[in-house]
Amino acid sequence: MLTGRDNDYLKIVVPAARRGDIAALEDYCGQHPEWLRFIGPHGRTLLWEAARGGKVEAVAWLRERGADAKIPGCYHRETTIELTPHGIALVKKRKRVVSWLEERGFAIDVYTQCYVGDEAAVRDALRADPELVTRPLTRPSQPARQDVEYAVPLLGYAVAGGHVELARLLLERGARCDFDGQRVVRWASWSEKPALLELVLEHGAKPEPGQA
């Protein structure tokens, strides 16, 4: 039952998507159809939440009603960086959701491939489009901007995923650390891989005072 408060979406509707409660989603989205496409904190949509939870029936229900299956989102303590619904399902090993999306043409994106360390796939993508190395992931219908949290290029995904050699490859191909050096340093530090931190510092990433 909706309370009418501003936080209904986060407190009531998002949990319904997360647990795959289609009857509740029918009720809530029937009252507020805009929630089907609403982008919550850090990019999290109802479809993203259902994909993260492995609720393939809810993913299908939301897609049938126009929900966008490409908008990236995250919980920072979980991945630190935004992934598409396909990407978070892959990382969380939600195999049914991954298969359902792939059967409908949603291929795994190159940013997720960087995050999981699929170097062969990243090489193939760069061979087809070398400019990918500096192109940030942005949400659909949003302009490409470097000053917002979700606009992160491939290097950020490789560093957040803790992949030293992949990060080195991207730097060799023209990636830069100055898109947001402080976050790059923070992600490298969280990886607990000294070689990764050294690599980004050598290539111009600037930590906050006392950060590294």
N, C-alpha and C. Protein backbone atom coordinates (compact mmCIF):
# COMPACT_ATOMS: atom_id res chain seq x y z
N MET A 1 0.84 -1.19 0.00
CA MET A 1 0.00 0.00 0.00
C MET A 1 0.89 1.25 0.00
N LEU A 2 0.67 2.14 -0.97
CA LEU A 2 1.42 3.37 -1.03
C LEU A 2 0.99 4.31 0.08
N THR A 3 1.96 5.04 0.61
CA THR A 3 1.67 5.94 1.72
C THR A 3 1.37 7.36 1.25
N GLY A 4 1.75 7.67 0.00
CA GLY A 4 1.59 9.02 -0.49
C GLY A 4 2.77 9.92 -0.18
N ARG A 5 3.77 9.37 0.48
CA ARG A 5 4.95 10.15 0.82
C ARG A 5 5.93 10.18 -0.35
N ASP A 6 6.86 11.13 -0.31
CA ASP A 6 7.82 11.28 -1.40
C ASP A 6 8.74 10.08 -1.55
N ASN A 7 8.95 9.33 -0.48
CA ASN A 7 9.89 8.21 -0.55
C ASN A 7 9.21 6.89 -0.85
N ASP A 8 7.95 6.92 -1.32
CA ASP A 8 7.26 5.67 -1.69
C ASP A 8 8.08 4.85 -2.68
N TYR A 9 8.67 5.54 -3.67
CA TYR A 9 9.42 4.82 -4.71
C TYR A 9 10.54 4.00 -4.10
N LEU A 10 11.32 4.61 -3.22
CA LEU A 10 12.48 3.92 -2.65
C LEU A 10 12.09 2.91 -1.58
N LYS A 11 11.11 3.25 -0.77
CA LYS A 11 10.77 2.41 0.38
C LYS A 11 9.80 1.28 0.05
N ILE A 12 9.00 1.45 -0.99
CA ILE A 12 7.94 0.48 -1.27
C ILE A 12 8.09 -0.14 -2.66
N VAL A 13 8.27 0.70 -3.68
CA VAL A 13 8.23 0.21 -5.06
C VAL A 13 9.53 -0.50 -5.44
N VAL A 14 10.68 0.09 -5.10
CA VAL A 14 11.96 -0.55 -5.40
C VAL A 14 12.06 -1.94 -4.76
N PRO A 15 11.71 -2.11 -3.48
CA PRO A 15 11.75 -3.46 -2.90
C PRO A 15 10.86 -4.46 -3.63
N ALA A 16 9.73 -4.00 -4.17
CA ALA A 16 8.87 -4.91 -4.92
C ALA A 16 9.56 -5.40 -6.18
N ALA A 17 10.28 -4.50 -6.87
CA ALA A 17 11.03 -4.91 -8.06
C ALA A 17 12.16 -5.86 -7.67
N ARG A 18 12.82 -5.56 -6.56
CA ARG A 18 13.95 -6.36 -6.11
C ARG A 18 13.54 -7.80 -5.79
N ARG A 19 12.35 -7.98 -5.24
CA ARG A 19 11.90 -9.33 -4.89
C ARG A 19 11.06 -9.97 -5.99
N GLY A 20 10.84 -9.21 -7.10
CA GLY A 20 10.10 -9.76 -8.24
C GLY A 20 8.62 -9.88 -8.01
N ASP A 21 8.04 -8.98 -7.23
CA ASP A 21 6.61 -9.02 -6.89
C ASP A 21 5.82 -8.30 -7.98
N ILE A 22 5.41 -9.06 -9.00
CA ILE A 22 4.74 -8.46 -10.15
C ILE A 22 3.38 -7.91 -9.78
N ALA A 23 2.65 -8.58 -8.91
CA ALA A 23 1.33 -8.08 -8.49
C ALA A 23 1.46 -6.71 -7.85
N ALA A 24 2.48 -6.53 -7.01
CA ALA A 24 2.70 -5.22 -6.39
C ALA A 24 3.11 -4.19 -7.42
N LEU A 25 3.98 -4.59 -8.35
CA LEU A 25 4.40 -3.65 -9.40
C LEU A 25 3.21 -3.22 -10.26
N GLU A 26 2.32 -4.14 -10.56
CA GLU A 26 1.12 -3.79 -11.32
C GLU A 26 0.30 -2.73 -10.60
N ASP A 27 0.17 -2.92 -9.30
CA ASP A 27 -0.59 -1.96 -8.49
C ASP A 27 0.12 -0.61 -8.45
N TYR A 28 1.39 -0.61 -8.07
CA TYR A 28 2.10 0.64 -7.87
C TYR A 28 2.30 1.40 -9.18
N CYS A 29 2.71 0.70 -10.23
CA CYS A 29 2.94 1.37 -11.52
C CYS A 29 1.63 1.71 -12.21
N GLY A 30 0.56 1.03 -11.84
CA GLY A 30 -0.75 1.42 -12.32
C GLY A 30 -1.14 2.79 -11.78
N GLN A 31 -0.77 3.04 -10.53
CA GLN A 31 -1.05 4.34 -9.92
C GLN A 31 -0.08 5.42 -10.41
N HIS A 32 1.15 5.00 -10.67
CA HIS A 32 2.19 5.94 -11.09
C HIS A 32 2.98 5.35 -12.26
N PRO A 33 2.46 5.43 -13.48
CA PRO A 33 3.15 4.85 -14.64
C PRO A 33 4.55 5.43 -14.87
N GLU A 34 4.77 6.63 -14.38
CA GLU A 34 6.09 7.26 -14.58
C GLU A 34 7.20 6.47 -13.89
N TRP A 35 6.84 5.65 -12.91
CA TRP A 35 7.86 4.88 -12.20
C TRP A 35 8.49 3.80 -13.07
N LEU A 36 7.81 3.42 -14.15
CA LEU A 36 8.39 2.43 -15.05
C LEU A 36 9.70 2.91 -15.66
N ARG A 37 9.84 4.20 -15.83
CA ARG A 37 11.04 4.78 -16.44
C ARG A 37 11.82 5.68 -15.49
N PHE A 38 11.39 5.75 -14.26
CA PHE A 38 12.04 6.64 -13.31
C PHE A 38 13.45 6.18 -13.00
N ILE A 39 14.40 7.12 -12.97
CA ILE A 39 15.79 6.82 -12.65
C ILE A 39 16.04 7.24 -11.21
N GLY A 40 16.26 6.26 -10.35
CA GLY A 40 16.48 6.53 -8.94
C GLY A 40 17.92 6.89 -8.63
N PRO A 41 18.28 6.89 -7.35
CA PRO A 41 19.65 7.24 -6.96
C PRO A 41 20.69 6.39 -7.65
N HIS A 42 21.75 7.03 -8.12
CA HIS A 42 22.86 6.35 -8.79
C HIS A 42 22.39 5.50 -9.97
N GLY A 43 21.36 5.98 -10.67
CA GLY A 43 20.92 5.33 -11.90
C GLY A 43 20.03 4.12 -11.74
N ARG A 44 19.66 3.78 -10.53
CA ARG A 44 18.92 2.53 -10.32
C ARG A 44 17.46 2.69 -10.74
N THR A 45 17.06 1.89 -11.72
CA THR A 45 15.67 1.83 -12.16
C THR A 45 15.03 0.57 -11.60
N LEU A 46 13.72 0.45 -11.78
CA LEU A 46 13.03 -0.77 -11.34
C LEU A 46 13.56 -1.98 -12.09
N LEU A 47 13.81 -1.82 -13.39
CA LEU A 47 14.34 -2.95 -14.16
C LEU A 47 15.73 -3.32 -13.68
N TRP A 48 16.55 -2.33 -13.39
CA TRP A 48 17.90 -2.60 -12.88
C TRP A 48 17.82 -3.38 -11.57
N GLU A 49 16.92 -2.97 -10.70
CA GLU A 49 16.78 -3.65 -9.41
C GLU A 49 16.31 -5.09 -9.60
N ALA A 50 15.39 -5.30 -10.52
CA ALA A 50 14.91 -6.66 -10.79
C ALA A 50 16.02 -7.52 -11.38
N ALA A 51 16.82 -6.94 -12.27
CA ALA A 51 17.94 -7.68 -12.86
C ALA A 51 18.97 -8.04 -11.80
N ARG A 52 19.28 -7.10 -10.94
CA ARG A 52 20.24 -7.35 -9.86
C ARG A 52 19.75 -8.47 -8.94
N GLY A 53 18.44 -8.53 -8.72
CA GLY A 53 17.87 -9.55 -7.86
C GLY A 53 17.65 -10.89 -8.55
N GLY A 54 17.90 -10.94 -9.86
CA GLY A 54 17.72 -12.19 -10.60
C GLY A 54 16.27 -12.53 -10.87
N LYS A 55 15.40 -11.52 -10.88
CA LYS A 55 13.96 -11.75 -11.06
C LYS A 55 13.59 -11.58 -12.53
N VAL A 56 13.80 -12.64 -13.29
CA VAL A 56 13.64 -12.54 -14.74
C VAL A 56 12.19 -12.25 -15.13
N GLU A 57 11.22 -12.78 -14.40
CA GLU A 57 9.82 -12.51 -14.73
C GLU A 57 9.50 -11.03 -14.56
N ALA A 58 10.05 -10.42 -13.53
CA ALA A 58 9.84 -8.99 -13.32
C ALA A 58 10.55 -8.16 -14.39
N VAL A 59 11.75 -8.59 -14.77
CA VAL A 59 12.46 -7.92 -15.87
C VAL A 59 11.60 -7.95 -17.13
N ALA A 60 11.05 -9.11 -17.44
CA ALA A 60 10.21 -9.25 -18.64
C ALA A 60 8.96 -8.36 -18.53
N TRP A 61 8.33 -8.36 -17.38
CA TRP A 61 7.12 -7.55 -17.17
C TRP A 61 7.42 -6.07 -17.37
N LEU A 62 8.52 -5.61 -16.82
CA LEU A 62 8.90 -4.21 -16.94
C LEU A 62 9.26 -3.84 -18.38
N ARG A 63 9.98 -4.73 -19.06
CA ARG A 63 10.33 -4.47 -20.46
C ARG A 63 9.08 -4.37 -21.33
N GLU A 64 8.12 -5.24 -21.09
CA GLU A 64 6.88 -5.22 -21.87
C GLU A 64 6.14 -3.90 -21.73
N ARG A 65 6.41 -3.19 -20.67
CA ARG A 65 5.73 -1.92 -20.40
C ARG A 65 6.63 -0.72 -20.66
N GLY A 66 7.74 -0.96 -21.34
CA GLY A 66 8.57 0.15 -21.81
C GLY A 66 9.74 0.53 -20.96
N ALA A 67 10.05 -0.24 -19.92
CA ALA A 67 11.21 0.08 -19.10
C ALA A 67 12.49 -0.07 -19.92
N ASP A 68 13.44 0.82 -19.67
CA ASP A 68 14.69 0.85 -20.41
C ASP A 68 15.68 -0.15 -19.81
N ALA A 69 16.20 -1.05 -20.64
CA ALA A 69 17.12 -2.09 -20.16
C ALA A 69 18.58 -1.70 -20.35
N LYS A 70 18.85 -0.43 -20.64
CA LYS A 70 20.23 -0.01 -20.88
C LYS A 70 20.75 0.99 -19.85
N ILE A 71 19.91 1.47 -18.98
CA ILE A 71 20.34 2.51 -18.05
C ILE A 71 21.21 1.90 -16.95
N PRO A 72 22.44 2.38 -16.80
CA PRO A 72 23.35 1.82 -15.78
C PRO A 72 23.06 2.38 -14.39
N GLY A 73 23.35 1.57 -13.39
CA GLY A 73 23.17 1.99 -12.02
C GLY A 73 24.13 1.24 -11.11
N CYS A 74 24.09 1.55 -9.83
CA CYS A 74 24.97 0.84 -8.90
C CYS A 74 24.58 1.08 -7.46
N TYR A 75 25.07 0.20 -6.61
CA TYR A 75 25.23 0.45 -5.18
C TYR A 75 26.74 0.57 -4.97
N HIS A 76 27.19 1.71 -4.47
CA HIS A 76 28.63 1.97 -4.43
C HIS A 76 29.40 0.94 -3.61
N ARG A 77 28.83 0.48 -2.54
CA ARG A 77 29.55 -0.48 -1.71
C ARG A 77 29.67 -1.85 -2.40
N GLU A 78 28.92 -2.03 -3.45
CA GLU A 78 28.92 -3.32 -4.14
C GLU A 78 29.87 -3.34 -5.34
N THR A 79 29.71 -2.38 -6.25
CA THR A 79 30.55 -2.36 -7.45
C THR A 79 31.37 -1.08 -7.59
N THR A 80 31.05 -0.06 -6.83
CA THR A 80 31.69 1.26 -6.85
C THR A 80 31.44 2.05 -8.13
N ILE A 81 30.90 1.42 -9.15
CA ILE A 81 30.78 2.05 -10.47
C ILE A 81 29.51 1.52 -11.14
N GLU A 82 28.90 2.34 -12.00
CA GLU A 82 27.61 1.97 -12.57
C GLU A 82 27.74 0.95 -13.69
N LEU A 83 26.87 -0.06 -13.64
CA LEU A 83 26.79 -1.11 -14.65
C LEU A 83 25.38 -1.16 -15.20
N THR A 84 25.24 -1.60 -16.44
CA THR A 84 23.91 -1.78 -17.02
C THR A 84 23.18 -2.92 -16.32
N PRO A 85 21.86 -3.06 -16.53
CA PRO A 85 21.16 -4.22 -15.97
C PRO A 85 21.80 -5.55 -16.37
N HIS A 86 22.22 -5.65 -17.63
CA HIS A 86 22.92 -6.85 -18.08
C HIS A 86 24.21 -7.04 -17.30
N GLY A 87 24.94 -5.94 -17.11
CA GLY A 87 26.21 -6.01 -16.42
C GLY A 87 26.06 -6.42 -14.96
N ILE A 88 25.10 -5.83 -14.25
CA ILE A 88 24.95 -6.19 -12.84
C ILE A 88 24.45 -7.63 -12.71
N ALA A 89 23.61 -8.07 -13.65
CA ALA A 89 23.16 -9.46 -13.62
C ALA A 89 24.33 -10.41 -13.85
N LEU A 90 25.24 -10.04 -14.73
CA LEU A 90 26.42 -10.86 -14.99
C LEU A 90 27.31 -10.93 -13.75
N VAL A 91 27.56 -9.78 -13.15
CA VAL A 91 28.43 -9.73 -11.97
C VAL A 91 27.81 -10.50 -10.80
N LYS A 92 26.49 -10.41 -10.65
CA LYS A 92 25.80 -11.10 -9.56
C LYS A 92 25.48 -12.55 -9.89
N LYS A 93 25.88 -13.00 -11.10
CA LYS A 93 25.65 -14.38 -11.54
C LYS A 93 24.16 -14.73 -11.60
N ARG A 94 23.38 -13.79 -12.11
CA ARG A 94 21.95 -14.02 -12.34
C ARG A 94 21.79 -14.57 -13.76
N LYS A 95 22.06 -15.85 -13.91
CA LYS A 95 22.18 -16.45 -15.24
C LYS A 95 20.89 -16.37 -16.05
N ARG A 96 19.75 -16.52 -15.40
CA ARG A 96 18.48 -16.47 -16.15
C ARG A 96 18.24 -15.07 -16.72
N VAL A 97 18.58 -14.06 -15.96
CA VAL A 97 18.41 -12.69 -16.45
C VAL A 97 19.38 -12.42 -17.58
N VAL A 98 20.64 -12.83 -17.42
CA VAL A 98 21.64 -12.65 -18.47
C VAL A 98 21.17 -13.31 -19.76
N SER A 99 20.71 -14.54 -19.67
CA SER A 99 20.25 -15.26 -20.87
C SER A 99 19.04 -14.58 -21.49
N TRP A 100 18.11 -14.15 -20.66
CA TRP A 100 16.89 -13.51 -21.17
C TRP A 100 17.25 -12.24 -21.94
N LEU A 101 18.13 -11.42 -21.39
CA LEU A 101 18.52 -10.19 -22.06
C LEU A 101 19.29 -10.47 -23.35
N GLU A 102 20.19 -11.44 -23.31
CA GLU A 102 20.98 -11.74 -24.50
C GLU A 102 20.11 -12.30 -25.61
N GLU A 103 19.11 -13.09 -25.25
CA GLU A 103 18.20 -13.63 -26.26
C GLU A 103 17.41 -12.53 -26.95
N ARG A 104 17.33 -11.38 -26.32
CA ARG A 104 16.58 -10.26 -26.88
C ARG A 104 17.50 -9.16 -27.40
N GLY A 105 18.75 -9.51 -27.63
CA GLY A 105 19.66 -8.61 -28.32
C GLY A 105 20.46 -7.66 -27.45
N PHE A 106 20.40 -7.84 -26.13
CA PHE A 106 21.17 -6.96 -25.25
C PHE A 106 22.53 -7.59 -25.00
N ALA A 107 23.48 -7.26 -25.85
CA ALA A 107 24.83 -7.80 -25.71
C ALA A 107 25.54 -7.14 -24.54
N ILE A 108 26.49 -7.86 -23.97
CA ILE A 108 27.27 -7.29 -22.88
C ILE A 108 28.07 -6.11 -23.41
N ASP A 109 28.09 -5.01 -22.70
CA ASP A 109 28.75 -3.81 -23.20
C ASP A 109 30.23 -3.81 -22.82
N VAL A 110 31.00 -3.00 -23.52
CA VAL A 110 32.46 -3.00 -23.35
C VAL A 110 32.87 -2.47 -21.98
N TYR A 111 32.05 -1.64 -21.35
CA TYR A 111 32.37 -1.14 -20.03
C TYR A 111 32.30 -2.26 -19.00
N THR A 112 31.29 -3.09 -19.11
CA THR A 112 31.20 -4.26 -18.23
C THR A 112 32.35 -5.21 -18.51
N GLN A 113 32.69 -5.38 -19.79
CA GLN A 113 33.82 -6.24 -20.13
C GLN A 113 35.10 -5.75 -19.47
N CYS A 114 35.28 -4.44 -19.41
CA CYS A 114 36.44 -3.89 -18.69
C CYS A 114 36.33 -4.19 -17.20
N TYR A 115 35.16 -4.05 -16.65
CA TYR A 115 34.99 -4.24 -15.21
C TYR A 115 35.27 -5.69 -14.80
N VAL A 116 34.87 -6.64 -15.64
CA VAL A 116 35.09 -8.05 -15.30
C VAL A 116 36.43 -8.56 -15.81
N GLY A 117 37.14 -7.73 -16.59
CA GLY A 117 38.49 -8.11 -17.02
C GLY A 117 38.55 -8.99 -18.25
N ASP A 118 37.60 -8.85 -19.16
CA ASP A 118 37.60 -9.64 -20.39
C ASP A 118 38.47 -8.93 -21.43
N GLU A 119 39.77 -9.15 -21.32
CA GLU A 119 40.72 -8.40 -22.15
C GLU A 119 40.54 -8.69 -23.63
N ALA A 120 40.26 -9.94 -24.00
CA ALA A 120 40.10 -10.28 -25.41
C ALA A 120 38.93 -9.52 -26.02
N ALA A 121 37.82 -9.46 -25.28
CA ALA A 121 36.64 -8.74 -25.79
C ALA A 121 36.93 -7.24 -25.90
N VAL A 122 37.66 -6.69 -24.94
CA VAL A 122 37.99 -5.27 -24.99
C VAL A 122 38.91 -4.98 -26.17
N ARG A 123 39.88 -5.83 -26.42
CA ARG A 123 40.75 -5.66 -27.58
C ARG A 123 39.93 -5.66 -28.87
N ASP A 124 38.99 -6.57 -28.98
CA ASP A 124 38.14 -6.64 -30.17
C ASP A 124 37.34 -5.34 -30.34
N ALA A 125 36.80 -4.85 -29.23
CA ALA A 125 36.00 -3.63 -29.29
C ALA A 125 36.85 -2.44 -29.71
N LEU A 126 38.07 -2.35 -29.20
CA LEU A 126 38.96 -1.25 -29.55
C LEU A 126 39.44 -1.35 -30.99
N ARG A 127 39.58 -2.58 -31.46
CA ARG A 127 39.98 -2.77 -32.85
C ARG A 127 38.88 -2.25 -33.79
N ALA A 128 37.63 -2.47 -33.39
CA ALA A 128 36.51 -2.01 -34.21
C ALA A 128 36.29 -0.51 -34.08
N ASP A 129 36.58 0.05 -32.91
CA ASP A 129 36.34 1.47 -32.67
C ASP A 129 37.40 1.99 -31.69
N PRO A 130 38.56 2.43 -32.18
CA PRO A 130 39.64 2.89 -31.30
C PRO A 130 39.24 4.05 -30.39
N GLU A 131 38.26 4.85 -30.80
CA GLU A 131 37.87 6.01 -29.99
C GLU A 131 37.11 5.62 -28.73
N LEU A 132 36.73 4.36 -28.62
CA LEU A 132 36.08 3.88 -27.40
C LEU A 132 36.94 4.11 -26.17
N VAL A 133 38.24 4.16 -26.35
CA VAL A 133 39.15 4.21 -25.21
C VAL A 133 38.93 5.47 -24.37
N THR A 134 38.42 6.54 -24.95
CA THR A 134 38.19 7.76 -24.19
C THR A 134 36.71 8.13 -24.09
N ARG A 135 35.84 7.31 -24.62
CA ARG A 135 34.41 7.64 -24.63
C ARG A 135 33.76 7.17 -23.33
N PRO A 136 33.12 8.06 -22.58
CA PRO A 136 32.54 7.65 -21.30
C PRO A 136 31.19 6.97 -21.48
N LEU A 137 30.87 6.10 -20.55
CA LEU A 137 29.53 5.53 -20.48
C LEU A 137 28.59 6.59 -19.95
N THR A 138 27.49 6.82 -20.64
CA THR A 138 26.49 7.76 -20.17
C THR A 138 25.13 7.10 -20.23
N ARG A 139 24.22 7.64 -19.47
CA ARG A 139 22.86 7.11 -19.49
C ARG A 139 22.17 7.52 -20.79
N PRO A 140 21.29 6.67 -21.34
CA PRO A 140 20.56 7.04 -22.55
C PRO A 140 19.83 8.37 -22.36
N SER A 141 19.84 9.16 -23.41
CA SER A 141 19.19 10.47 -23.48
C SER A 141 19.92 11.54 -22.68
N GLN A 142 21.06 11.19 -22.06
CA GLN A 142 21.83 12.18 -21.33
C GLN A 142 23.05 12.57 -22.14
N PRO A 143 23.45 13.83 -22.12
CA PRO A 143 24.65 14.24 -22.85
C PRO A 143 25.90 13.67 -22.22
N ALA A 144 26.91 13.45 -23.04
CA ALA A 144 28.19 12.96 -22.53
C ALA A 144 28.86 14.08 -21.75
N ARG A 145 29.06 13.84 -20.47
CA ARG A 145 29.70 14.85 -19.63
C ARG A 145 30.73 14.17 -18.74
N GLN A 146 31.82 14.85 -18.50
CA GLN A 146 32.88 14.29 -17.67
C GLN A 146 32.74 14.71 -16.22
N ASP A 147 31.83 15.63 -15.91
CA ASP A 147 31.79 16.15 -14.55
C ASP A 147 30.66 15.56 -13.73
N VAL A 148 30.08 14.46 -14.20
CA VAL A 148 29.04 13.80 -13.43
C VAL A 148 29.48 12.38 -13.13
N GLU A 149 28.92 11.82 -12.09
CA GLU A 149 29.46 10.60 -11.54
C GLU A 149 29.38 9.42 -12.48
N TYR A 150 28.33 9.36 -13.31
CA TYR A 150 28.14 8.17 -14.12
C TYR A 150 28.91 8.20 -15.43
N ALA A 151 29.50 9.35 -15.82
CA ALA A 151 30.22 9.45 -17.08
C ALA A 151 31.66 9.01 -16.86
N VAL A 152 31.91 7.73 -17.04
CA VAL A 152 33.23 7.16 -16.75
C VAL A 152 33.73 6.40 -17.98
N PRO A 153 34.96 6.65 -18.44
CA PRO A 153 35.50 5.92 -19.58
C PRO A 153 35.98 4.53 -19.20
N LEU A 154 36.46 3.80 -20.20
CA LEU A 154 36.85 2.41 -20.00
C LEU A 154 37.90 2.25 -18.90
N LEU A 155 38.85 3.17 -18.82
CA LEU A 155 39.90 3.03 -17.82
C LEU A 155 39.32 2.96 -16.41
N GLY A 156 38.32 3.78 -16.14
CA GLY A 156 37.70 3.75 -14.82
C GLY A 156 37.13 2.39 -14.49
N TYR A 157 36.54 1.73 -15.48
CA TYR A 157 35.96 0.41 -15.26
C TYR A 157 37.03 -0.65 -15.03
N ALA A 158 38.11 -0.56 -15.77
CA ALA A 158 39.21 -1.51 -15.56
C ALA A 158 39.83 -1.34 -14.18
N VAL A 159 40.00 -0.09 -13.75
CA VAL A 159 40.59 0.17 -12.44
C VAL A 159 39.63 -0.25 -11.33
N ALA A 160 38.35 0.10 -11.47
CA ALA A 160 37.37 -0.29 -10.45
C ALA A 160 37.27 -1.80 -10.32
N GLY A 161 37.49 -2.51 -11.44
CA GLY A 161 37.46 -3.96 -11.41
C GLY A 161 38.75 -4.58 -10.93
N GLY A 162 39.81 -3.76 -10.78
CA GLY A 162 41.08 -4.26 -10.25
C GLY A 162 41.96 -4.97 -11.25
N HIS A 163 41.90 -4.56 -12.53
CA HIS A 163 42.62 -5.27 -13.59
C HIS A 163 43.84 -4.48 -14.06
N VAL A 164 44.99 -4.85 -13.57
CA VAL A 164 46.22 -4.09 -13.82
C VAL A 164 46.60 -4.11 -15.29
N GLU A 165 46.69 -5.28 -15.88
CA GLU A 165 47.16 -5.38 -17.27
C GLU A 165 46.17 -4.77 -18.25
N LEU A 166 44.90 -4.88 -17.96
CA LEU A 166 43.90 -4.26 -18.82
C LEU A 166 44.00 -2.74 -18.72
N ALA A 167 44.19 -2.22 -17.53
CA ALA A 167 44.39 -0.78 -17.37
C ALA A 167 45.63 -0.33 -18.13
N ARG A 168 46.69 -1.12 -18.07
CA ARG A 168 47.91 -0.78 -18.81
C ARG A 168 47.64 -0.75 -20.31
N LEU A 169 46.90 -1.73 -20.80
CA LEU A 169 46.54 -1.76 -22.22
C LEU A 169 45.79 -0.50 -22.63
N LEU A 170 44.83 -0.10 -21.83
CA LEU A 170 44.03 1.08 -22.16
C LEU A 170 44.88 2.34 -22.15
N LEU A 171 45.79 2.44 -21.21
CA LEU A 171 46.69 3.59 -21.17
C LEU A 171 47.59 3.62 -22.40
N GLU A 172 48.04 2.45 -22.83
CA GLU A 172 48.86 2.38 -24.05
C GLU A 172 48.07 2.79 -25.28
N ARG A 173 46.75 2.58 -25.23
CA ARG A 173 45.90 2.91 -26.37
C ARG A 173 45.38 4.35 -26.33
N GLY A 174 45.81 5.10 -25.32
CA GLY A 174 45.42 6.52 -25.28
C GLY A 174 44.51 6.93 -24.15
N ALA A 175 44.18 6.02 -23.26
CA ALA A 175 43.36 6.40 -22.11
C ALA A 175 44.13 7.39 -21.24
N ARG A 176 43.38 8.24 -20.52
CA ARG A 176 43.99 9.24 -19.66
C ARG A 176 43.43 9.10 -18.26
N CYS A 177 44.25 9.46 -17.29
CA CYS A 177 43.84 9.41 -15.89
C CYS A 177 43.26 10.72 -15.40
N ASP A 178 43.33 11.77 -16.21
CA ASP A 178 42.94 13.08 -15.71
C ASP A 178 41.45 13.37 -15.88
N PHE A 179 40.62 12.35 -16.28
CA PHE A 179 39.19 12.60 -16.37
C PHE A 179 38.62 12.80 -14.97
N ASP A 180 39.20 12.17 -14.00
CA ASP A 180 38.84 12.35 -12.59
C ASP A 180 39.86 11.60 -11.77
N GLY A 181 41.05 12.18 -11.63
CA GLY A 181 42.17 11.48 -11.02
C GLY A 181 41.90 11.02 -9.61
N GLN A 182 41.16 11.80 -8.84
CA GLN A 182 40.93 11.42 -7.46
C GLN A 182 40.12 10.13 -7.35
N ARG A 183 39.12 10.00 -8.20
CA ARG A 183 38.34 8.75 -8.16
C ARG A 183 39.17 7.57 -8.66
N VAL A 184 39.99 7.78 -9.67
CA VAL A 184 40.84 6.70 -10.18
C VAL A 184 41.77 6.21 -9.08
N VAL A 185 42.35 7.13 -8.35
CA VAL A 185 43.23 6.75 -7.25
C VAL A 185 42.45 6.01 -6.17
N ARG A 186 41.27 6.48 -5.87
CA ARG A 186 40.46 5.83 -4.84
C ARG A 186 40.12 4.41 -5.25
N TRP A 187 39.68 4.23 -6.50
CA TRP A 187 39.34 2.88 -6.97
C TRP A 187 40.56 1.96 -6.96
N ALA A 188 41.69 2.49 -7.40
CA ALA A 188 42.92 1.69 -7.40
C ALA A 188 43.32 1.30 -5.98
N SER A 189 43.13 2.21 -5.04
CA SER A 189 43.45 1.91 -3.64
C SER A 189 42.54 0.82 -3.10
N TRP A 190 41.26 0.90 -3.43
CA TRP A 190 40.30 -0.10 -2.95
C TRP A 190 40.59 -1.48 -3.52
N SER A 191 41.25 -1.54 -4.67
CA SER A 191 41.55 -2.84 -5.28
C SER A 191 42.58 -3.62 -4.48
N GLU A 192 43.32 -2.91 -3.61
CA GLU A 192 44.38 -3.52 -2.80
C GLU A 192 45.46 -4.16 -3.68
N LYS A 193 45.68 -3.54 -4.86
CA LYS A 193 46.73 -3.99 -5.77
C LYS A 193 47.71 -2.84 -5.95
N PRO A 194 48.84 -2.88 -5.25
CA PRO A 194 49.80 -1.77 -5.33
C PRO A 194 50.23 -1.44 -6.75
N ALA A 195 50.35 -2.46 -7.60
CA ALA A 195 50.79 -2.21 -8.98
C ALA A 195 49.79 -1.36 -9.73
N LEU A 196 48.50 -1.53 -9.43
CA LEU A 196 47.47 -0.74 -10.10
C LEU A 196 47.52 0.71 -9.63
N LEU A 197 47.69 0.91 -8.35
CA LEU A 197 47.81 2.27 -7.83
C LEU A 197 49.04 2.96 -8.40
N GLU A 198 50.17 2.26 -8.43
CA GLU A 198 51.38 2.83 -8.99
C GLU A 198 51.19 3.21 -10.45
N LEU A 199 50.50 2.37 -11.18
CA LEU A 199 50.28 2.60 -12.61
C LEU A 199 49.51 3.90 -12.85
N VAL A 200 48.40 4.09 -12.15
CA VAL A 200 47.60 5.30 -12.40
C VAL A 200 48.32 6.55 -11.90
N LEU A 201 49.07 6.44 -10.83
CA LEU A 201 49.83 7.59 -10.36
C LEU A 201 50.92 7.97 -11.36
N GLU A 202 51.56 6.96 -11.94
CA GLU A 202 52.60 7.22 -12.95
C GLU A 202 52.03 7.91 -14.18
N HIS A 203 50.73 7.69 -14.43
CA HIS A 203 50.12 8.26 -15.63
C HIS A 203 49.29 9.52 -15.32
N GLY A 204 49.57 10.13 -14.19
CA GLY A 204 49.02 11.48 -13.95
C GLY A 204 47.81 11.57 -13.07
N ALA A 205 47.32 10.48 -12.50
CA ALA A 205 46.20 10.57 -11.58
C ALA A 205 46.64 11.32 -10.34
N LYS A 206 45.83 12.27 -9.89
CA LYS A 206 46.19 13.12 -8.75
C LYS A 206 45.28 12.79 -7.57
N PRO A 207 45.84 12.22 -6.52
CA PRO A 207 45.02 11.90 -5.36
C PRO A 207 44.67 13.14 -4.55
N GLU A 208 43.64 12.99 -3.71
CA GLU A 208 43.35 14.02 -2.74
C GLU A 208 44.49 14.07 -1.72
N PRO A 209 44.71 15.20 -1.08
CA PRO A 209 45.76 15.27 -0.06
C PRO A 209 45.57 14.18 1.00
N GLY A 210 46.60 13.38 1.21
CA GLY A 210 46.54 12.32 2.19
C GLY A 210 45.88 11.06 1.70
N GLN A 211 45.43 11.04 0.44
CA GLN A 211 44.72 9.86 -0.08
C GLN A 211 45.66 8.74 -0.41
N ALA A 212 46.83 9.02 -0.94
CA ALA A 212 47.76 7.97 -1.35
C ALA A 212 49.18 8.33 -0.96
